[in-house]
Amino acid sequence: MPYKTLSSLPGNIRAHLPKRAQEIYRAAFNSAWEQYRKPESRRGEVSQEEIAHRVAWAAVKQQYTKQGDKWVRK
């Protein structure tokens, strides 16, 4: 399901990502959720939710990198 607010993101996302990275994650997740709505738009047996999470993490990793326990802007 799409996330309406940052507070609706999974706890591990809120706990580890800075606010801007959470915004990126939420926007990418919601976009991918819509884009991969139909099973034929996904590869193999990947669920809509799983592909949306993958896309969201990829979007975050384009602008952030993990240093130790923290995510910092590149």
N, C-alpha and C. Protein backbone atom coordinates (compact mmCIF):
# COMPACT_ATOMS: atom_id res chain seq x y z
N MET A 1 0.82 -1.18 0.00
CA MET A 1 0.00 0.00 0.00
C MET A 1 0.87 1.25 0.00
N PRO A 2 0.47 2.26 -0.68
CA PRO A 2 1.24 3.51 -0.70
C PRO A 2 1.28 4.15 0.69
N TYR A 3 2.33 4.91 0.94
CA TYR A 3 2.49 5.59 2.22
C TYR A 3 2.05 7.04 2.07
N LYS A 4 1.08 7.46 2.87
CA LYS A 4 0.56 8.83 2.79
C LYS A 4 1.45 9.84 3.50
N THR A 5 2.08 9.40 4.58
CA THR A 5 2.93 10.30 5.37
C THR A 5 4.23 9.59 5.73
N LEU A 6 5.21 10.37 6.18
CA LEU A 6 6.46 9.77 6.63
C LEU A 6 6.24 8.90 7.86
N SER A 7 5.31 9.29 8.70
CA SER A 7 5.05 8.51 9.92
C SER A 7 4.42 7.15 9.62
N SER A 8 3.93 6.97 8.40
CA SER A 8 3.35 5.67 8.03
C SER A 8 4.40 4.71 7.43
N LEU A 9 5.63 5.19 7.23
CA LEU A 9 6.70 4.33 6.73
C LEU A 9 7.02 3.26 7.77
N PRO A 10 7.60 2.13 7.34
CA PRO A 10 8.01 1.11 8.30
C PRO A 10 8.98 1.69 9.34
N GLY A 11 8.92 1.17 10.54
CA GLY A 11 9.74 1.67 11.64
C GLY A 11 11.23 1.67 11.35
N ASN A 12 11.73 0.63 10.68
CA ASN A 12 13.16 0.58 10.40
C ASN A 12 13.60 1.68 9.44
N ILE A 13 12.73 2.09 8.55
CA ILE A 13 13.04 3.19 7.63
C ILE A 13 13.09 4.49 8.41
N ARG A 14 12.09 4.74 9.25
CA ARG A 14 12.04 5.97 10.04
C ARG A 14 13.20 6.05 11.02
N ALA A 15 13.60 4.92 11.57
CA ALA A 15 14.65 4.91 12.59
C ALA A 15 16.05 5.13 12.00
N HIS A 16 16.26 4.74 10.75
CA HIS A 16 17.61 4.77 10.21
C HIS A 16 17.88 5.82 9.15
N LEU A 17 16.86 6.27 8.45
CA LEU A 17 17.08 7.23 7.37
C LEU A 17 16.79 8.65 7.83
N PRO A 18 17.62 9.61 7.38
CA PRO A 18 17.30 11.02 7.66
C PRO A 18 15.99 11.40 6.98
N LYS A 19 15.41 12.51 7.41
CA LYS A 19 14.10 12.92 6.91
C LYS A 19 14.07 13.02 5.39
N ARG A 20 15.06 13.67 4.78
CA ARG A 20 15.06 13.83 3.32
C ARG A 20 15.11 12.47 2.62
N ALA A 21 15.89 11.54 3.16
CA ALA A 21 15.97 10.19 2.59
C ALA A 21 14.62 9.47 2.74
N GLN A 22 13.93 9.71 3.84
CA GLN A 22 12.59 9.13 4.02
C GLN A 22 11.63 9.68 2.96
N GLU A 23 11.75 10.96 2.67
CA GLU A 23 10.90 11.57 1.64
C GLU A 23 11.16 10.95 0.27
N ILE A 24 12.44 10.72 -0.03
CA ILE A 24 12.81 10.07 -1.28
C ILE A 24 12.25 8.66 -1.33
N TYR A 25 12.42 7.93 -0.24
CA TYR A 25 11.93 6.55 -0.14
C TYR A 25 10.42 6.50 -0.38
N ARG A 26 9.69 7.37 0.31
CA ARG A 26 8.23 7.38 0.20
C ARG A 26 7.78 7.70 -1.22
N ALA A 27 8.38 8.71 -1.82
CA ALA A 27 8.00 9.11 -3.18
C ALA A 27 8.30 7.99 -4.18
N ALA A 28 9.46 7.38 -4.06
CA ALA A 28 9.84 6.30 -4.98
C ALA A 28 8.96 5.07 -4.77
N PHE A 29 8.69 4.73 -3.52
CA PHE A 29 7.83 3.59 -3.23
C PHE A 29 6.45 3.80 -3.84
N ASN A 30 5.86 4.97 -3.59
CA ASN A 30 4.51 5.24 -4.08
C ASN A 30 4.46 5.23 -5.61
N SER A 31 5.48 5.75 -6.25
CA SER A 31 5.54 5.75 -7.71
C SER A 31 5.64 4.32 -8.25
N ALA A 32 6.54 3.54 -7.64
CA ALA A 32 6.72 2.15 -8.08
C ALA A 32 5.47 1.32 -7.78
N TRP A 33 4.81 1.61 -6.67
CA TRP A 33 3.58 0.89 -6.33
C TRP A 33 2.58 1.02 -7.48
N GLU A 34 2.45 2.21 -8.00
CA GLU A 34 1.52 2.45 -9.11
C GLU A 34 2.04 1.85 -10.41
N GLN A 35 3.33 2.05 -10.67
CA GLN A 35 3.92 1.57 -11.93
C GLN A 35 3.86 0.05 -12.06
N TYR A 36 4.06 -0.67 -10.97
CA TYR A 36 4.11 -2.13 -11.01
C TYR A 36 2.83 -2.76 -10.46
N ARG A 37 1.73 -2.05 -10.62
CA ARG A 37 0.43 -2.51 -10.12
C ARG A 37 0.02 -3.83 -10.76
N LYS A 38 0.22 -3.95 -12.05
CA LYS A 38 -0.19 -5.16 -12.77
C LYS A 38 0.92 -6.20 -12.73
N PRO A 39 0.58 -7.46 -12.45
CA PRO A 39 1.58 -8.52 -12.37
C PRO A 39 2.44 -8.65 -13.63
N GLU A 40 1.86 -8.39 -14.80
CA GLU A 40 2.63 -8.52 -16.04
C GLU A 40 3.71 -7.45 -16.18
N SER A 41 3.66 -6.41 -15.37
CA SER A 41 4.69 -5.38 -15.42
C SER A 41 5.89 -5.72 -14.54
N ARG A 42 5.80 -6.83 -13.80
CA ARG A 42 6.89 -7.27 -12.91
C ARG A 42 7.56 -8.51 -13.48
N ARG A 43 8.79 -8.72 -13.08
CA ARG A 43 9.51 -9.93 -13.51
C ARG A 43 9.26 -11.05 -12.52
N GLY A 44 9.00 -12.21 -13.04
CA GLY A 44 8.84 -13.39 -12.21
C GLY A 44 7.71 -13.27 -11.21
N GLU A 45 7.93 -13.80 -10.03
CA GLU A 45 6.91 -13.86 -8.99
C GLU A 45 7.09 -12.77 -7.94
N VAL A 46 7.77 -11.69 -8.28
CA VAL A 46 8.01 -10.62 -7.32
C VAL A 46 6.70 -9.89 -7.05
N SER A 47 6.40 -9.68 -5.76
CA SER A 47 5.16 -9.00 -5.40
C SER A 47 5.26 -7.50 -5.66
N GLN A 48 4.13 -6.88 -5.76
CA GLN A 48 4.07 -5.44 -5.97
C GLN A 48 4.78 -4.71 -4.83
N GLU A 49 4.56 -5.15 -3.62
CA GLU A 49 5.19 -4.50 -2.46
C GLU A 49 6.71 -4.68 -2.48
N GLU A 50 7.17 -5.89 -2.79
CA GLU A 50 8.60 -6.15 -2.81
C GLU A 50 9.31 -5.29 -3.86
N ILE A 51 8.76 -5.21 -5.05
CA ILE A 51 9.41 -4.41 -6.09
C ILE A 51 9.39 -2.94 -5.72
N ALA A 52 8.32 -2.48 -5.09
CA ALA A 52 8.25 -1.07 -4.67
C ALA A 52 9.31 -0.76 -3.62
N HIS A 53 9.54 -1.68 -2.68
CA HIS A 53 10.60 -1.48 -1.68
C HIS A 53 11.97 -1.48 -2.35
N ARG A 54 12.19 -2.35 -3.31
CA ARG A 54 13.47 -2.39 -4.02
C ARG A 54 13.74 -1.08 -4.75
N VAL A 55 12.73 -0.58 -5.43
CA VAL A 55 12.86 0.69 -6.16
C VAL A 55 13.13 1.83 -5.18
N ALA A 56 12.43 1.83 -4.06
CA ALA A 56 12.60 2.90 -3.08
C ALA A 56 14.02 2.90 -2.51
N TRP A 57 14.54 1.72 -2.18
CA TRP A 57 15.92 1.66 -1.66
C TRP A 57 16.92 2.11 -2.73
N ALA A 58 16.70 1.73 -3.95
CA ALA A 58 17.60 2.15 -5.04
C ALA A 58 17.60 3.67 -5.17
N ALA A 59 16.44 4.28 -5.03
CA ALA A 59 16.35 5.75 -5.11
C ALA A 59 17.12 6.40 -3.97
N VAL A 60 17.00 5.86 -2.78
CA VAL A 60 17.73 6.40 -1.63
C VAL A 60 19.23 6.26 -1.85
N LYS A 61 19.65 5.10 -2.33
CA LYS A 61 21.08 4.83 -2.51
C LYS A 61 21.72 5.68 -3.61
N GLN A 62 20.92 6.28 -4.47
CA GLN A 62 21.46 7.19 -5.47
C GLN A 62 21.96 8.48 -4.81
N GLN A 63 21.36 8.88 -3.71
CA GLN A 63 21.72 10.14 -3.08
C GLN A 63 22.35 10.00 -1.70
N TYR A 64 22.25 8.82 -1.11
CA TYR A 64 22.78 8.59 0.23
C TYR A 64 23.67 7.35 0.24
N THR A 65 24.59 7.34 1.19
CA THR A 65 25.44 6.18 1.39
C THR A 65 25.49 5.89 2.89
N LYS A 66 25.70 4.64 3.22
CA LYS A 66 25.74 4.27 4.62
C LYS A 66 27.18 4.34 5.11
N GLN A 67 27.39 5.11 6.19
CA GLN A 67 28.70 5.20 6.81
C GLN A 67 28.53 4.79 8.26
N GLY A 68 29.04 3.60 8.56
CA GLY A 68 28.82 3.05 9.89
C GLY A 68 27.35 2.73 10.07
N ASP A 69 26.76 3.35 11.08
CA ASP A 69 25.33 3.13 11.37
C ASP A 69 24.45 4.23 10.79
N LYS A 70 25.03 5.20 10.10
CA LYS A 70 24.26 6.34 9.61
C LYS A 70 24.21 6.41 8.10
N TRP A 71 23.10 6.96 7.59
CA TRP A 71 22.98 7.24 6.17
C TRP A 71 23.28 8.71 5.98
N VAL A 72 24.26 8.99 5.09
CA VAL A 72 24.68 10.38 4.85
C VAL A 72 24.57 10.68 3.36
N ARG A 73 24.34 11.95 3.07
CA ARG A 73 24.22 12.42 1.69
C ARG A 73 25.55 12.27 0.97
N LYS A 74 25.51 11.82 -0.28
CA LYS A 74 26.74 11.66 -1.06
C LYS A 74 27.32 13.01 -1.43
